Amino acid sequence: TSSTANESVKPLMINSDCKQLATEADFLKIRKKMTAEKDEDGMVKAATRMFKLKCYSTEQVKNLSVLFLKDEGKYKLFDAAYPHIHDTQSFKQLESQLTDIYIITRFRAMIRN
C-alpha cells in the first residue's frame, strides 16, 4: 500500500494534527478564494476556512502571503495558518516575508508559543 511507503520517509517534525495534506489543486483553490475577497481581512477569513480542511506547507503559505500588500495582513495569514502547517520546522522561514520590526517581533513570539 502507499501508506507504508509514506511512513518510511518522515519529515523532521510533522504536525500530528494534520490528517490530510493540501495538494497543488487545493493551493490553487485557496488562492482563488482569497483573491475573490475585497479586503485583506476577507482574504484571511477565506484562507482560515480552507486551512481547517487540510494542512498546508510553509512554501504554500509563503506563496499565499504575496497576495498581501502589508505586513499586518501577512502576519494575520501566518497566524491563521500556523496550526495547519505540516512542516512546522520550516515555518520560521516566513519571517523573511516581513519587514516591519513590530510585526517580526509578534511573529517570533507566535512561533515560540
N, C-alpha and C. Protein backbone atom coordinates (compact mmCIF):
# COMPACT_ATOMS: atom_id res chain seq x y z
N THR A 1 0.84 -1.20 0.00
CA THR A 1 0.00 0.00 0.00
C THR A 1 0.87 1.25 0.00
N SER A 2 0.27 2.36 -0.36
CA SER A 2 1.03 3.61 -0.43
C SER A 2 1.32 4.18 0.95
N SER A 3 0.52 3.86 1.95
CA SER A 3 0.73 4.42 3.29
C SER A 3 2.04 3.93 3.91
N THR A 4 2.43 2.70 3.64
CA THR A 4 3.69 2.21 4.19
C THR A 4 4.88 2.89 3.53
N ALA A 5 4.76 3.23 2.27
CA ALA A 5 5.84 3.94 1.58
C ALA A 5 6.02 5.34 2.17
N ASN A 6 4.91 6.00 2.48
CA ASN A 6 4.98 7.33 3.06
C ASN A 6 5.55 7.32 4.47
N GLU A 7 5.26 6.30 5.23
CA GLU A 7 5.72 6.22 6.61
C GLU A 7 7.23 6.06 6.72
N SER A 8 7.87 5.50 5.72
CA SER A 8 9.30 5.29 5.78
C SER A 8 10.10 6.58 5.57
N VAL A 9 9.49 7.59 4.95
CA VAL A 9 10.17 8.86 4.71
C VAL A 9 9.43 9.94 5.50
N LYS A 10 9.75 10.03 6.78
CA LYS A 10 9.07 11.01 7.62
C LYS A 10 9.89 12.29 7.69
N PRO A 11 9.22 13.45 7.60
CA PRO A 11 9.95 14.71 7.75
C PRO A 11 10.46 14.86 9.18
N LEU A 12 11.33 15.82 9.36
CA LEU A 12 11.95 16.07 10.65
C LEU A 12 10.92 16.26 11.75
N MET A 13 9.96 17.14 11.51
CA MET A 13 8.94 17.42 12.51
C MET A 13 7.62 17.60 11.79
N ILE A 14 6.66 16.75 12.06
CA ILE A 14 5.36 16.84 11.38
C ILE A 14 4.29 17.20 12.40
N ASN A 15 3.37 18.02 11.97
CA ASN A 15 2.24 18.40 12.80
C ASN A 15 1.32 17.19 12.94
N SER A 16 1.21 16.66 14.15
CA SER A 16 0.42 15.45 14.36
C SER A 16 -1.08 15.67 14.15
N ASP A 17 -1.51 16.93 14.12
CA ASP A 17 -2.92 17.24 13.87
C ASP A 17 -3.27 17.14 12.38
N CYS A 18 -2.27 17.05 11.52
CA CYS A 18 -2.50 17.00 10.08
C CYS A 18 -2.96 15.62 9.66
N LYS A 19 -4.15 15.55 9.14
CA LYS A 19 -4.69 14.29 8.65
C LYS A 19 -4.57 14.21 7.13
N GLN A 20 -4.66 15.35 6.49
CA GLN A 20 -4.60 15.38 5.03
C GLN A 20 -3.82 16.60 4.56
N LEU A 21 -2.87 16.38 3.66
CA LEU A 21 -2.04 17.46 3.16
C LEU A 21 -2.67 18.09 1.92
N ALA A 22 -2.53 19.40 1.82
CA ALA A 22 -3.06 20.12 0.68
C ALA A 22 -2.25 19.81 -0.58
N THR A 23 -2.96 19.63 -1.66
CA THR A 23 -2.32 19.37 -2.96
C THR A 23 -2.15 20.69 -3.70
N GLU A 24 -1.56 20.64 -4.87
CA GLU A 24 -1.43 21.84 -5.71
C GLU A 24 -2.82 22.37 -6.08
N ALA A 25 -3.76 21.47 -6.32
CA ALA A 25 -5.14 21.87 -6.64
C ALA A 25 -5.78 22.60 -5.45
N ASP A 26 -5.52 22.10 -4.23
CA ASP A 26 -6.03 22.77 -3.03
C ASP A 26 -5.42 24.16 -2.90
N PHE A 27 -4.12 24.26 -3.18
CA PHE A 27 -3.45 25.56 -3.12
C PHE A 27 -4.08 26.55 -4.11
N LEU A 28 -4.32 26.11 -5.32
CA LEU A 28 -4.93 26.98 -6.34
C LEU A 28 -6.34 27.39 -5.93
N LYS A 29 -7.06 26.47 -5.30
CA LYS A 29 -8.43 26.75 -4.84
C LYS A 29 -8.42 27.81 -3.73
N ILE A 30 -7.53 27.66 -2.76
CA ILE A 30 -7.47 28.63 -1.66
C ILE A 30 -7.04 30.00 -2.20
N ARG A 31 -6.11 29.99 -3.13
CA ARG A 31 -5.63 31.26 -3.71
C ARG A 31 -6.77 31.97 -4.46
N LYS A 32 -7.55 31.19 -5.20
CA LYS A 32 -8.68 31.75 -5.95
C LYS A 32 -9.72 32.35 -4.98
N LYS A 33 -10.02 31.63 -3.90
CA LYS A 33 -10.98 32.13 -2.92
C LYS A 33 -10.47 33.41 -2.26
N MET A 34 -9.18 33.45 -1.97
CA MET A 34 -8.61 34.64 -1.33
C MET A 34 -8.65 35.85 -2.26
N THR A 35 -8.31 35.65 -3.53
CA THR A 35 -8.28 36.78 -4.47
C THR A 35 -9.69 37.30 -4.79
N ALA A 36 -10.71 36.49 -4.53
CA ALA A 36 -12.10 36.92 -4.77
C ALA A 36 -12.59 37.86 -3.66
N GLU A 37 -11.88 37.92 -2.54
CA GLU A 37 -12.29 38.78 -1.42
C GLU A 37 -11.94 40.24 -1.71
N LYS A 38 -12.69 41.15 -1.06
CA LYS A 38 -12.48 42.58 -1.33
C LYS A 38 -11.43 43.24 -0.45
N ASP A 39 -11.06 42.60 0.67
CA ASP A 39 -10.04 43.18 1.53
C ASP A 39 -9.20 42.09 2.19
N GLU A 40 -8.13 42.51 2.87
CA GLU A 40 -7.20 41.54 3.45
C GLU A 40 -7.83 40.71 4.56
N ASP A 41 -8.72 41.31 5.36
CA ASP A 41 -9.40 40.54 6.41
C ASP A 41 -10.26 39.44 5.79
N GLY A 42 -10.94 39.75 4.71
CA GLY A 42 -11.73 38.75 4.00
C GLY A 42 -10.86 37.65 3.43
N MET A 43 -9.67 38.02 2.97
CA MET A 43 -8.73 37.04 2.44
C MET A 43 -8.28 36.08 3.54
N VAL A 44 -8.01 36.62 4.73
CA VAL A 44 -7.58 35.78 5.86
C VAL A 44 -8.72 34.84 6.27
N LYS A 45 -9.95 35.37 6.30
CA LYS A 45 -11.10 34.53 6.66
C LYS A 45 -11.29 33.40 5.66
N ALA A 46 -11.16 33.70 4.38
CA ALA A 46 -11.29 32.67 3.34
C ALA A 46 -10.21 31.61 3.50
N ALA A 47 -8.98 32.05 3.78
CA ALA A 47 -7.87 31.11 3.97
C ALA A 47 -8.12 30.25 5.20
N THR A 48 -8.59 30.86 6.29
CA THR A 48 -8.82 30.13 7.53
C THR A 48 -9.83 29.00 7.33
N ARG A 49 -10.89 29.28 6.56
CA ARG A 49 -11.88 28.23 6.27
C ARG A 49 -11.23 27.05 5.56
N MET A 50 -10.32 27.33 4.64
CA MET A 50 -9.65 26.27 3.88
C MET A 50 -8.61 25.55 4.73
N PHE A 51 -7.92 26.30 5.62
CA PHE A 51 -6.91 25.68 6.49
C PHE A 51 -7.53 24.62 7.39
N LYS A 52 -8.79 24.80 7.75
CA LYS A 52 -9.46 23.84 8.63
C LYS A 52 -9.67 22.49 7.95
N LEU A 53 -9.64 22.48 6.62
CA LEU A 53 -9.90 21.25 5.87
C LEU A 53 -8.64 20.42 5.64
N LYS A 54 -7.50 21.10 5.42
CA LYS A 54 -6.26 20.39 5.09
C LYS A 54 -5.07 21.17 5.65
N CYS A 55 -3.95 20.48 5.75
CA CYS A 55 -2.72 21.13 6.19
C CYS A 55 -1.89 21.55 4.98
N TYR A 56 -1.31 22.72 5.10
CA TYR A 56 -0.53 23.32 4.02
C TYR A 56 0.95 23.33 4.38
N SER A 57 1.79 23.46 3.37
CA SER A 57 3.23 23.56 3.60
C SER A 57 3.60 25.02 3.82
N THR A 58 4.75 25.22 4.44
CA THR A 58 5.26 26.58 4.63
C THR A 58 5.40 27.28 3.28
N GLU A 59 5.88 26.56 2.28
CA GLU A 59 6.06 27.14 0.94
C GLU A 59 4.72 27.59 0.35
N GLN A 60 3.67 26.80 0.53
CA GLN A 60 2.34 27.19 0.02
C GLN A 60 1.86 28.47 0.72
N VAL A 61 2.06 28.55 2.03
CA VAL A 61 1.64 29.75 2.77
C VAL A 61 2.47 30.95 2.35
N LYS A 62 3.75 30.74 2.12
CA LYS A 62 4.61 31.83 1.63
C LYS A 62 4.07 32.35 0.29
N ASN A 63 3.68 31.44 -0.59
CA ASN A 63 3.15 31.84 -1.89
C ASN A 63 1.80 32.55 -1.77
N LEU A 64 1.03 32.24 -0.73
CA LEU A 64 -0.23 32.95 -0.49
C LEU A 64 0.04 34.34 0.09
N SER A 65 1.11 34.48 0.85
CA SER A 65 1.39 35.76 1.52
C SER A 65 1.70 36.88 0.54
N VAL A 66 2.11 36.53 -0.68
CA VAL A 66 2.40 37.59 -1.66
C VAL A 66 1.14 38.34 -2.09
N LEU A 67 -0.03 37.79 -1.76
CA LEU A 67 -1.29 38.46 -2.08
C LEU A 67 -1.53 39.67 -1.16
N PHE A 68 -0.77 39.75 -0.07
CA PHE A 68 -0.95 40.82 0.90
C PHE A 68 0.07 41.93 0.66
N LEU A 69 -0.40 43.17 0.73
CA LEU A 69 0.47 44.31 0.49
C LEU A 69 1.23 44.72 1.75
N LYS A 70 0.63 44.49 2.91
CA LYS A 70 1.24 44.96 4.16
C LYS A 70 1.58 43.79 5.07
N ASP A 71 2.55 44.02 5.94
CA ASP A 71 2.98 43.01 6.90
C ASP A 71 1.85 42.58 7.83
N GLU A 72 0.97 43.50 8.18
CA GLU A 72 -0.14 43.16 9.09
C GLU A 72 -0.99 42.03 8.50
N GLY A 73 -1.32 42.13 7.23
CA GLY A 73 -2.10 41.09 6.56
C GLY A 73 -1.34 39.77 6.48
N LYS A 74 -0.05 39.86 6.16
CA LYS A 74 0.78 38.65 6.10
C LYS A 74 0.82 37.98 7.47
N TYR A 75 1.00 38.79 8.52
CA TYR A 75 1.04 38.24 9.87
C TYR A 75 -0.27 37.53 10.21
N LYS A 76 -1.40 38.15 9.87
CA LYS A 76 -2.70 37.52 10.15
C LYS A 76 -2.83 36.19 9.42
N LEU A 77 -2.34 36.15 8.18
CA LEU A 77 -2.35 34.89 7.42
C LEU A 77 -1.47 33.85 8.10
N PHE A 78 -0.26 34.24 8.49
CA PHE A 78 0.66 33.31 9.15
C PHE A 78 0.08 32.80 10.45
N ASP A 79 -0.56 33.70 11.20
CA ASP A 79 -1.16 33.33 12.48
C ASP A 79 -2.29 32.31 12.26
N ALA A 80 -3.10 32.54 11.23
CA ALA A 80 -4.20 31.62 10.92
C ALA A 80 -3.66 30.28 10.41
N ALA A 81 -2.56 30.32 9.67
CA ALA A 81 -2.01 29.12 9.06
C ALA A 81 -1.23 28.25 10.04
N TYR A 82 -0.61 28.86 11.04
CA TYR A 82 0.35 28.16 11.90
C TYR A 82 -0.14 26.80 12.43
N PRO A 83 -1.36 26.70 12.96
CA PRO A 83 -1.79 25.38 13.46
C PRO A 83 -2.03 24.36 12.35
N HIS A 84 -2.04 24.81 11.11
CA HIS A 84 -2.38 23.95 9.97
C HIS A 84 -1.20 23.75 9.01
N ILE A 85 0.01 23.95 9.52
CA ILE A 85 1.22 23.76 8.73
C ILE A 85 1.76 22.37 9.02
N HIS A 86 2.07 21.60 7.98
CA HIS A 86 2.58 20.25 8.26
C HIS A 86 4.09 20.22 8.43
N ASP A 87 4.82 21.16 7.86
CA ASP A 87 6.28 21.20 8.04
C ASP A 87 6.64 22.33 9.01
N THR A 88 6.22 22.16 10.24
CA THR A 88 6.34 23.19 11.26
C THR A 88 7.77 23.71 11.40
N GLN A 89 8.76 22.84 11.23
CA GLN A 89 10.15 23.27 11.42
C GLN A 89 10.58 24.33 10.41
N SER A 90 9.89 24.44 9.28
CA SER A 90 10.24 25.42 8.25
C SER A 90 9.52 26.75 8.42
N PHE A 91 8.51 26.78 9.29
CA PHE A 91 7.63 27.95 9.39
C PHE A 91 8.39 29.24 9.71
N LYS A 92 9.46 29.14 10.51
CA LYS A 92 10.21 30.33 10.90
C LYS A 92 10.81 31.06 9.69
N GLN A 93 10.97 30.35 8.57
CA GLN A 93 11.50 30.97 7.35
C GLN A 93 10.58 32.06 6.81
N LEU A 94 9.31 32.03 7.19
CA LEU A 94 8.36 33.04 6.72
C LEU A 94 8.69 34.43 7.24
N GLU A 95 9.52 34.50 8.28
CA GLU A 95 9.93 35.80 8.80
C GLU A 95 10.55 36.67 7.71
N SER A 96 11.19 36.03 6.73
CA SER A 96 11.83 36.78 5.64
C SER A 96 10.82 37.52 4.76
N GLN A 97 9.53 37.19 4.91
CA GLN A 97 8.48 37.86 4.14
C GLN A 97 8.04 39.17 4.80
N LEU A 98 8.52 39.40 6.02
CA LEU A 98 8.11 40.55 6.82
C LEU A 98 9.22 41.59 6.89
N THR A 99 8.83 42.87 6.93
CA THR A 99 9.82 43.95 7.03
C THR A 99 9.63 44.81 8.28
N ASP A 100 8.42 44.90 8.79
CA ASP A 100 8.11 45.74 9.95
C ASP A 100 8.60 45.05 11.22
N ILE A 101 9.48 45.71 11.98
CA ILE A 101 10.10 45.10 13.15
C ILE A 101 9.06 44.73 14.22
N TYR A 102 8.02 45.53 14.36
CA TYR A 102 6.95 45.23 15.32
C TYR A 102 6.26 43.91 14.93
N ILE A 103 5.96 43.76 13.66
CA ILE A 103 5.30 42.54 13.17
C ILE A 103 6.25 41.35 13.29
N ILE A 104 7.52 41.56 12.99
CA ILE A 104 8.52 40.48 13.11
C ILE A 104 8.59 40.00 14.57
N THR A 105 8.57 40.93 15.51
CA THR A 105 8.60 40.58 16.94
C THR A 105 7.37 39.75 17.31
N ARG A 106 6.20 40.15 16.82
CA ARG A 106 4.97 39.40 17.07
C ARG A 106 5.06 38.00 16.46
N PHE A 107 5.62 37.91 15.24
CA PHE A 107 5.77 36.63 14.56
C PHE A 107 6.67 35.70 15.37
N ARG A 108 7.78 36.23 15.85
CA ARG A 108 8.72 35.42 16.65
C ARG A 108 8.05 34.91 17.93
N ALA A 109 7.25 35.77 18.56
CA ALA A 109 6.53 35.37 19.77
C ALA A 109 5.52 34.26 19.45
N MET A 110 4.84 34.38 18.31
CA MET A 110 3.85 33.38 17.91
C MET A 110 4.49 32.01 17.74
N ILE A 111 5.64 31.94 17.07
CA ILE A 111 6.22 30.63 16.80
C ILE A 111 6.91 30.03 18.02
N ARG A 112 7.15 30.81 19.05
CA ARG A 112 7.73 30.26 20.28
C ARG A 112 6.67 29.62 21.14
N ASN A 113 5.42 30.03 20.98
CA ASN A 113 4.33 29.51 21.82
C ASN A 113 3.86 28.15 21.35
